C-alpha cells in the first residue's frame, strides 16, 4: 500500500482560512436572522469572491432551507417552525466548496 504524505508547511492558504466563526442574531429569532462571518484576518476578498450558501438543518439533520446569502444579510426564516436548527455556511468558488462556519439557531414564535 502506498501512503500519501502531505507537507503542511508548503500548503497554500486560502482567503477563507482565517474564518473562525459564524454568528446569527437575534438568537432566538422569530421571523428574520442576520448572518455574520467572523474571524481574525478575514479579508474583503473572501467576502466578495464566490458565493456563500447557508444551510439550515433540523434536529434530525435534514436540510430544511438553503439560501445564497451575503455578508451581514438578513435571512427570512418565517416559514420554519419553532425549534432548534443547525447552521452550516458554505463558500463556493468555481468547483471548490469550503465549510466556513457552523452554528445554532433557535426559532420562537
C-alpha atoms as a PDB file:
ATOM      1  CA  UNK A   1       0.000   0.000   0.000  1.00  0.00           C
ATOM      2  CA  UNK A   2       1.294   3.464  -0.904  1.00  0.00           C
ATOM      3  CA  UNK A   3       0.995   6.173   1.738  1.00  0.00           C
ATOM      4  CA  UNK A   4       0.478   9.763   0.704  1.00  0.00           C
ATOM      5  CA  UNK A   5       2.417  12.335   2.729  1.00  0.00           C
ATOM      6  CA  UNK A   6       1.252  15.953   2.726  1.00  0.00           C
ATOM      7  CA  UNK A   7       3.742  18.596   3.793  1.00  0.00           C
ATOM      8  CA  UNK A   8       1.557  21.137   5.616  1.00  0.00           C
ATOM      9  CA  UNK A   9       4.416  23.638   5.764  1.00  0.00           C
ATOM     10  CA  UNK A  10       4.108  24.021   1.983  1.00  0.00           C
ATOM     11  CA  UNK A  11       0.316  24.306   1.965  1.00  0.00           C
ATOM     12  CA  UNK A  12      -1.005  27.457   0.323  1.00  0.00           C
ATOM     13  CA  UNK A  13      -3.546  29.296   2.482  1.00  0.00           C
ATOM     14  CA  UNK A  14      -6.861  30.360   1.001  1.00  0.00           C
ATOM     15  CA  UNK A  15      -8.647  33.625   1.622  1.00  0.00           C
ATOM     16  CA  UNK A  16     -11.063  31.780   3.920  1.00  0.00           C
ATOM     17  CA  UNK A  17      -8.530  30.068   6.195  1.00  0.00           C
ATOM     18  CA  UNK A  18      -8.927  32.919   8.682  1.00  0.00           C
ATOM     19  CA  UNK A  19     -12.689  32.451   9.115  1.00  0.00           C
ATOM     20  CA  UNK A  20     -13.333  31.079  12.556  1.00  0.00           C
ATOM     21  CA  UNK A  21     -16.953  31.693  13.417  1.00  0.00           C
ATOM     22  CA  UNK A  22     -20.498  32.054  12.231  1.00  0.00           C
ATOM     23  CA  UNK A  23     -22.782  34.258  14.296  1.00  0.00           C
ATOM     24  CA  UNK A  24     -26.506  34.754  13.927  1.00  0.00           C
ATOM     25  CA  UNK A  25     -28.574  37.423  15.607  1.00  0.00           C
ATOM     26  CA  UNK A  26     -31.039  37.794  17.100  1.00  0.00           C
ATOM     27  CA  UNK A  27     -30.906  34.332  18.579  1.00  0.00           C
ATOM     28  CA  UNK A  28     -33.533  33.215  19.400  1.00  0.00           C
ATOM     29  CA  UNK A  29     -35.303  34.700  16.389  1.00  0.00           C
ATOM     30  CA  UNK A  30     -38.887  34.778  15.178  1.00  0.00           C
ATOM     31  CA  UNK A  31     -39.020  35.912  11.544  1.00  0.00           C
ATOM     32  CA  UNK A  32     -35.581  37.106  10.356  1.00  0.00           C
ATOM     33  CA  UNK A  33     -31.996  36.374  11.408  1.00  0.00           C
ATOM     34  CA  UNK A  34     -28.770  38.091  10.323  1.00  0.00           C
ATOM     35  CA  UNK A  35     -25.693  36.016   9.451  1.00  0.00           C
ATOM     36  CA  UNK A  36     -22.268  37.373  10.441  1.00  0.00           C
ATOM     37  CA  UNK A  37     -18.987  35.776   9.366  1.00  0.00           C
ATOM     38  CA  UNK A  38     -16.147  36.459  11.764  1.00  0.00           C
ATOM     39  CA  UNK A  39     -12.532  35.621  12.204  1.00  0.00           C
ATOM     40  CA  UNK A  40      -9.127  37.098  12.709  1.00  0.00           C
ATOM     41  CA  UNK A  41      -7.566  38.078   9.415  1.00  0.00           C
ATOM     42  CA  UNK A  42     -10.683  37.743   7.257  1.00  0.00           C
ATOM     43  CA  UNK A  43     -10.197  39.631   4.010  1.00  0.00           C
ATOM     44  CA  UNK A  44     -12.577  41.652   1.875  1.00  0.00           C
ATOM     45  CA  UNK A  45     -11.647  39.328  -0.988  1.00  0.00           C
ATOM     46  CA  UNK A  46     -13.045  36.369   0.940  1.00  0.00           C
ATOM     47  CA  UNK A  47     -16.335  38.157   1.492  1.00  0.00           C
ATOM     48  CA  UNK A  48     -16.785  39.228  -2.126  1.00  0.00           C
ATOM     49  CA  UNK A  49     -15.487  36.235  -4.087  1.00  0.00           C
ATOM     50  CA  UNK A  50     -17.709  33.292  -4.984  1.00  0.00           C
ATOM     51  CA  UNK A  51     -20.944  32.830  -3.111  1.00  0.00           C
ATOM     52  CA  UNK A  52     -21.950  31.906   0.413  1.00  0.00           C
ATOM     53  CA  UNK A  53     -24.720  29.380   0.974  1.00  0.00           C
ATOM     54  CA  UNK A  54     -26.439  28.979   4.335  1.00  0.00           C
ATOM     55  CA  UNK A  55     -27.878  25.518   5.024  1.00  0.00           C
ATOM     56  CA  UNK A  56     -30.401  25.176   7.857  1.00  0.00           C
ATOM     57  CA  UNK A  57     -30.929  21.652   9.196  1.00  0.00           C
ATOM     58  CA  UNK A  58     -33.498  20.412  11.690  1.00  0.00           C
ATOM     59  CA  UNK A  59     -32.760  18.217  14.713  1.00  0.00           C
ATOM     60  CA  UNK A  60     -32.708  15.073  12.536  1.00  0.00           C
ATOM     61  CA  UNK A  61     -30.041  16.599  10.270  1.00  0.00           C
ATOM     62  CA  UNK A  62     -32.329  17.127   7.278  1.00  0.00           C
ATOM     63  CA  UNK A  63     -31.610  20.369   5.419  1.00  0.00           C
ATOM     64  CA  UNK A  64     -34.909  22.279   5.546  1.00  0.00           C
ATOM     65  CA  UNK A  65     -33.656  25.505   3.959  1.00  0.00           C
ATOM     66  CA  UNK A  66     -30.698  26.514   1.803  1.00  0.00           C
ATOM     67  CA  UNK A  67     -30.143  30.134   0.722  1.00  0.00           C
ATOM     68  CA  UNK A  68     -27.431  32.118  -1.021  1.00  0.00           C
ATOM     69  CA  UNK A  69     -26.500  34.874   1.435  1.00  0.00           C
ATOM     70  CA  UNK A  70     -24.304  37.947   1.511  1.00  0.00           C
ATOM     71  CA  UNK A  71     -22.191  39.053   4.468  1.00  0.00           C
ATOM     72  CA  UNK A  72     -24.438  40.608   7.115  1.00  0.00           C
ATOM     73  CA  UNK A  73     -27.614  39.826   5.179  1.00  0.00           C
ATOM     74  CA  UNK A  74     -30.873  39.081   6.980  1.00  0.00           C
ATOM     75  CA  UNK A  75     -32.354  35.666   6.172  1.00  0.00           C
ATOM     76  CA  UNK A  76     -36.133  35.147   6.152  1.00  0.00           C
ATOM     77  CA  UNK A  77     -36.969  32.253   8.493  1.00  0.00           C
ATOM     78  CA  UNK A  78     -40.699  32.923   8.791  1.00  0.00           C
ATOM     79  CA  UNK A  79     -41.557  29.593   7.120  1.00  0.00           C
ATOM     80  CA  UNK A  80     -39.666  27.472   9.658  1.00  0.00           C
ATOM     81  CA  UNK A  81     -41.480  26.102  12.696  1.00  0.00           C
ATOM     82  CA  UNK A  82     -40.428  26.745  16.296  1.00  0.00           C
ATOM     83  CA  UNK A  83     -37.361  24.714  17.233  1.00  0.00           C
ATOM     84  CA  UNK A  84     -33.578  24.497  17.240  1.00  0.00           C
ATOM     85  CA  UNK A  85     -31.656  24.346  13.975  1.00  0.00           C
ATOM     86  CA  UNK A  86     -28.075  23.580  12.950  1.00  0.00           C
ATOM     87  CA  UNK A  87     -26.477  26.084  10.565  1.00  0.00           C
ATOM     88  CA  UNK A  88     -23.720  25.474   8.048  1.00  0.00           C
ATOM     89  CA  UNK A  89     -22.210  28.213   5.904  1.00  0.00           C
ATOM     90  CA  UNK A  90     -20.509  27.077   2.697  1.00  0.00           C
ATOM     91  CA  UNK A  91     -18.345  29.173   0.390  1.00  0.00           C
ATOM     92  CA  UNK A  92     -18.335  28.182  -3.272  1.00  0.00           C
ATOM     93  CA  UNK A  93     -15.817  29.453  -5.813  1.00  0.00           C
ATOM     94  CA  UNK A  94     -15.995  27.541  -9.074  1.00  0.00           C
ATOM     95  CA  UNK A  95     -15.836  23.825  -8.229  1.00  0.00           C
ATOM     96  CA  UNK A  96     -14.329  24.466  -4.778  1.00  0.00           C
ATOM     97  CA  UNK A  97     -16.572  24.280  -1.700  1.00  0.00           C
ATOM     98  CA  UNK A  98     -15.356  25.134   1.800  1.00  0.00           C
ATOM     99  CA  UNK A  99     -17.366  24.933   5.032  1.00  0.00           C
ATOM    100  CA  UNK A 100     -16.561  28.275   6.640  1.00  0.00           C
ATOM    101  CA  UNK A 101     -18.703  28.158   9.727  1.00  0.00           C
ATOM    102  CA  UNK A 102     -21.321  26.311  11.708  1.00  0.00           C
ATOM    103  CA  UNK A 103     -23.701  27.395  14.410  1.00  0.00           C
ATOM    104  CA  UNK A 104     -27.096  27.009  16.009  1.00  0.00           C
ATOM    105  CA  UNK A 105     -30.324  28.986  15.669  1.00  0.00           C
ATOM    106  CA  UNK A 106     -33.396  28.805  17.856  1.00  0.00           C
ATOM    107  CA  UNK A 107     -36.736  29.927  16.443  1.00  0.00           C
ATOM    108  CA  UNK A 108     -39.502  31.017  18.801  1.00  0.00           C
ATOM    109  CA  UNK A 109     -42.976  32.304  17.973  1.00  0.00           C
END
